N, C-alpha and C. Protein backbone atom coordinates (compact mmCIF):
# COMPACT_ATOMS: atom_id res chain seq x y z
N MET A 1 113.75 89.86 124.55
CA MET A 1 113.18 89.15 123.42
C MET A 1 114.13 89.30 122.22
N PRO A 2 114.37 88.22 121.48
CA PRO A 2 115.29 88.28 120.33
C PRO A 2 114.77 89.20 119.23
N ARG A 3 115.71 89.79 118.51
CA ARG A 3 115.38 90.66 117.38
C ARG A 3 115.92 90.05 116.10
N TYR A 4 115.17 90.23 115.03
CA TYR A 4 115.52 89.64 113.74
C TYR A 4 115.46 90.70 112.65
N PHE A 5 116.32 90.54 111.65
CA PHE A 5 116.31 91.38 110.45
C PHE A 5 115.73 90.54 109.31
N PHE A 6 114.88 91.15 108.49
CA PHE A 6 114.28 90.50 107.33
C PHE A 6 114.67 91.29 106.09
N HIS A 7 115.64 90.78 105.32
CA HIS A 7 116.13 91.48 104.12
C HIS A 7 115.48 90.89 102.88
N GLU A 8 114.92 91.75 102.03
CA GLU A 8 114.30 91.32 100.77
C GLU A 8 115.33 91.37 99.66
N GLN A 9 115.27 90.39 98.79
CA GLN A 9 116.12 90.42 97.61
C GLN A 9 115.31 89.97 96.42
N GLY A 10 114.88 90.94 95.62
CA GLY A 10 114.17 90.69 94.38
C GLY A 10 115.03 91.25 93.26
N ALA A 11 114.47 92.19 92.50
CA ALA A 11 115.26 92.87 91.48
C ALA A 11 116.40 93.64 92.13
N ALA A 12 116.17 94.11 93.34
CA ALA A 12 117.18 94.81 94.13
C ALA A 12 117.11 94.30 95.56
N ARG A 13 118.17 94.52 96.30
CA ARG A 13 118.16 94.11 97.71
C ARG A 13 117.66 95.26 98.57
N ARG A 14 116.74 94.96 99.47
CA ARG A 14 116.24 95.96 100.40
C ARG A 14 116.60 95.50 101.81
N ALA A 15 117.52 96.22 102.41
CA ALA A 15 117.99 95.85 103.75
C ALA A 15 117.02 96.34 104.81
N ASP A 16 116.79 95.50 105.78
CA ASP A 16 115.95 95.81 106.94
C ASP A 16 116.86 96.37 108.02
N GLU A 17 116.68 97.61 108.37
CA GLU A 17 117.49 98.23 109.41
C GLU A 17 116.71 98.40 110.71
N GLU A 18 115.44 98.05 110.70
CA GLU A 18 114.58 98.29 111.86
C GLU A 18 114.64 97.18 112.91
N ARG A 19 114.79 95.96 112.52
CA ARG A 19 114.72 94.78 113.38
C ARG A 19 113.30 94.56 113.89
N THR A 20 112.97 93.32 114.05
CA THR A 20 111.66 92.93 114.56
C THR A 20 111.85 92.04 115.78
N GLU A 21 111.18 92.38 116.86
CA GLU A 21 111.25 91.56 118.07
C GLU A 21 110.23 90.43 117.96
N LEU A 22 110.71 89.22 118.18
CA LEU A 22 109.84 88.03 118.15
C LEU A 22 110.25 87.11 119.29
N HIS A 23 109.34 86.23 119.66
CA HIS A 23 109.59 85.35 120.80
C HIS A 23 110.74 84.37 120.61
N ASP A 24 110.82 83.81 119.40
CA ASP A 24 111.83 82.77 119.18
C ASP A 24 112.03 82.54 117.68
N LEU A 25 112.90 81.60 117.35
CA LEU A 25 113.21 81.30 115.96
C LEU A 25 111.98 80.80 115.21
N GLU A 26 111.15 80.00 115.85
CA GLU A 26 109.94 79.51 115.19
C GLU A 26 109.03 80.68 114.81
N SER A 27 108.92 81.66 115.67
CA SER A 27 108.12 82.86 115.36
C SER A 27 108.72 83.61 114.18
N ALA A 28 110.05 83.66 114.11
CA ALA A 28 110.72 84.33 112.99
C ALA A 28 110.46 83.58 111.69
N ARG A 29 110.44 82.27 111.74
CA ARG A 29 110.16 81.48 110.53
C ARG A 29 108.75 81.74 110.02
N ILE A 30 107.80 81.77 110.91
CA ILE A 30 106.41 82.04 110.53
C ILE A 30 106.28 83.45 109.97
N ALA A 31 106.88 84.42 110.65
CA ALA A 31 106.82 85.82 110.20
C ALA A 31 107.47 85.97 108.83
N ALA A 32 108.59 85.29 108.60
CA ALA A 32 109.29 85.38 107.32
C ALA A 32 108.44 84.84 106.18
N LEU A 33 107.81 83.72 106.39
CA LEU A 33 106.97 83.13 105.35
C LEU A 33 105.79 84.04 105.02
N LYS A 34 105.15 84.59 106.04
CA LYS A 34 104.03 85.50 105.82
C LYS A 34 104.49 86.77 105.11
N LEU A 35 105.65 87.30 105.49
CA LEU A 35 106.18 88.50 104.86
C LEU A 35 106.50 88.26 103.40
N LEU A 36 107.17 87.17 103.08
CA LEU A 36 107.52 86.87 101.69
C LEU A 36 106.27 86.70 100.84
N ALA A 37 105.28 86.02 101.37
CA ALA A 37 104.02 85.84 100.64
C ALA A 37 103.36 87.19 100.38
N ARG A 38 103.37 88.07 101.37
CA ARG A 38 102.76 89.40 101.22
C ARG A 38 103.53 90.25 100.20
N ILE A 39 104.85 90.17 100.23
CA ILE A 39 105.68 90.93 99.29
C ILE A 39 105.35 90.53 97.85
N VAL A 40 105.34 89.24 97.59
CA VAL A 40 105.06 88.74 96.24
C VAL A 40 103.63 89.07 95.83
N ALA A 41 102.68 88.93 96.74
CA ALA A 41 101.29 89.22 96.43
C ALA A 41 101.07 90.71 96.15
N ASP A 42 101.81 91.57 96.85
CA ASP A 42 101.66 93.01 96.66
C ASP A 42 102.29 93.51 95.36
N ASP A 43 103.25 92.79 94.82
CA ASP A 43 103.92 93.23 93.59
C ASP A 43 104.21 92.06 92.67
N PRO A 44 103.16 91.39 92.17
CA PRO A 44 103.38 90.21 91.33
C PRO A 44 104.11 90.53 90.02
N ASP A 45 103.91 91.74 89.47
CA ASP A 45 104.60 92.08 88.22
C ASP A 45 106.12 92.09 88.41
N GLU A 46 106.58 92.62 89.53
CA GLU A 46 108.02 92.63 89.79
C GLU A 46 108.54 91.21 89.99
N PHE A 47 107.75 90.39 90.69
CA PHE A 47 108.16 89.00 90.88
C PHE A 47 108.30 88.29 89.54
N TRP A 48 107.29 88.40 88.67
CA TRP A 48 107.34 87.71 87.39
C TRP A 48 108.43 88.28 86.48
N ALA A 49 108.72 89.56 86.60
CA ALA A 49 109.80 90.15 85.80
C ALA A 49 111.15 89.60 86.24
N ASN A 50 111.31 89.38 87.53
CA ASN A 50 112.58 88.90 88.07
C ASN A 50 112.61 87.37 88.16
N LYS A 51 111.45 86.76 88.41
CA LYS A 51 111.26 85.30 88.53
C LYS A 51 111.97 84.68 89.73
N GLU A 52 112.44 85.52 90.64
CA GLU A 52 113.08 85.00 91.85
C GLU A 52 112.97 86.04 92.95
N TRP A 53 112.67 85.58 94.14
CA TRP A 53 112.59 86.48 95.28
C TRP A 53 113.12 85.74 96.50
N LYS A 54 113.96 86.42 97.26
CA LYS A 54 114.55 85.80 98.43
C LYS A 54 114.33 86.69 99.65
N LEU A 55 114.13 86.06 100.78
CA LEU A 55 114.05 86.76 102.06
C LEU A 55 115.13 86.15 102.95
N ILE A 56 116.04 86.99 103.40
CA ILE A 56 117.16 86.55 104.24
C ILE A 56 116.88 87.00 105.67
N VAL A 57 116.96 86.08 106.61
CA VAL A 57 116.66 86.40 108.01
C VAL A 57 117.94 86.27 108.82
N GLU A 58 118.24 87.35 109.54
CA GLU A 58 119.43 87.39 110.39
C GLU A 58 119.05 87.66 111.83
N ASP A 59 119.92 87.24 112.73
CA ASP A 59 119.70 87.57 114.14
C ASP A 59 120.31 88.93 114.45
N GLU A 60 120.30 89.31 115.71
CA GLU A 60 120.79 90.63 116.13
C GLU A 60 122.25 90.86 115.80
N THR A 61 123.03 89.79 115.72
CA THR A 61 124.46 89.92 115.43
C THR A 61 124.74 89.90 113.93
N ARG A 62 123.67 89.86 113.13
CA ARG A 62 123.74 89.81 111.65
C ARG A 62 124.17 88.46 111.13
N LEU A 63 124.02 87.42 111.95
CA LEU A 63 124.27 86.05 111.52
C LEU A 63 123.05 85.58 110.73
N THR A 64 123.26 85.09 109.51
CA THR A 64 122.14 84.58 108.71
C THR A 64 121.64 83.29 109.33
N LEU A 65 120.35 83.27 109.65
CA LEU A 65 119.73 82.10 110.26
C LEU A 65 119.11 81.19 109.20
N PHE A 66 118.45 81.79 108.22
CA PHE A 66 117.86 81.03 107.13
C PHE A 66 117.47 81.97 106.01
N GLU A 67 117.18 81.38 104.85
CA GLU A 67 116.71 82.13 103.69
C GLU A 67 115.50 81.42 103.12
N LEU A 68 114.55 82.20 102.64
CA LEU A 68 113.42 81.67 101.90
C LEU A 68 113.57 82.12 100.46
N LEU A 69 113.35 81.23 99.53
CA LEU A 69 113.53 81.54 98.12
C LEU A 69 112.31 81.06 97.34
N ILE A 70 111.75 81.96 96.53
CA ILE A 70 110.66 81.59 95.62
C ILE A 70 111.18 81.80 94.21
N ILE A 71 111.07 80.76 93.38
CA ILE A 71 111.53 80.82 92.00
C ILE A 71 110.39 80.38 91.08
N ALA A 72 110.20 81.14 90.01
CA ALA A 72 109.21 80.78 89.00
C ALA A 72 109.93 80.28 87.76
N THR A 73 109.48 79.17 87.23
CA THR A 73 110.01 78.67 85.96
C THR A 73 108.82 78.42 85.05
N GLU A 74 109.02 78.66 83.77
CA GLU A 74 107.95 78.43 82.80
C GLU A 74 108.30 77.25 81.91
N SER A 75 107.31 76.41 81.68
CA SER A 75 107.51 75.31 80.75
C SER A 75 107.37 75.84 79.32
N ALA A 76 107.73 75.04 78.38
CA ALA A 76 107.57 75.44 76.96
C ALA A 76 106.11 75.72 76.66
N ALA A 77 105.20 74.92 77.23
CA ALA A 77 103.77 75.13 77.00
C ALA A 77 103.32 76.49 77.55
N GLY A 78 103.82 76.83 78.72
CA GLY A 78 103.45 78.10 79.32
C GLY A 78 103.99 79.28 78.55
N SER A 79 105.20 79.15 78.02
CA SER A 79 105.81 80.23 77.24
C SER A 79 105.08 80.44 75.92
N SER A 80 104.71 79.33 75.24
CA SER A 80 104.03 79.48 73.95
C SER A 80 102.60 79.97 74.14
N ALA A 81 101.96 79.63 75.26
CA ALA A 81 100.59 80.08 75.50
C ALA A 81 100.53 81.60 75.67
N ARG A 82 101.58 82.19 76.21
CA ARG A 82 101.60 83.64 76.39
C ARG A 82 101.77 84.36 75.06
N ARG A 83 102.36 83.74 74.08
CA ARG A 83 102.62 84.38 72.78
C ARG A 83 101.40 84.41 71.88
N VAL A 84 100.39 83.62 72.19
CA VAL A 84 99.20 83.51 71.33
C VAL A 84 98.37 84.76 71.41
């Protein structure tokens, strides 16, 4: 069964050294999306402080297969509403 690495990159990069066994690339895509959502949900303050979070997925040979990126941007209205 193929193994995948899931590296987090928020304020700092956290390398995955454990590898995760999954059936195929589609399974890795689903797992990556769920993991990124869980990471952001578990630490929303860090996400909003950094405003960007990336999950890099590699295969067993350390070839990057894909990246997921979440970016937050604030409009002028959103920025002024926080100052009130």
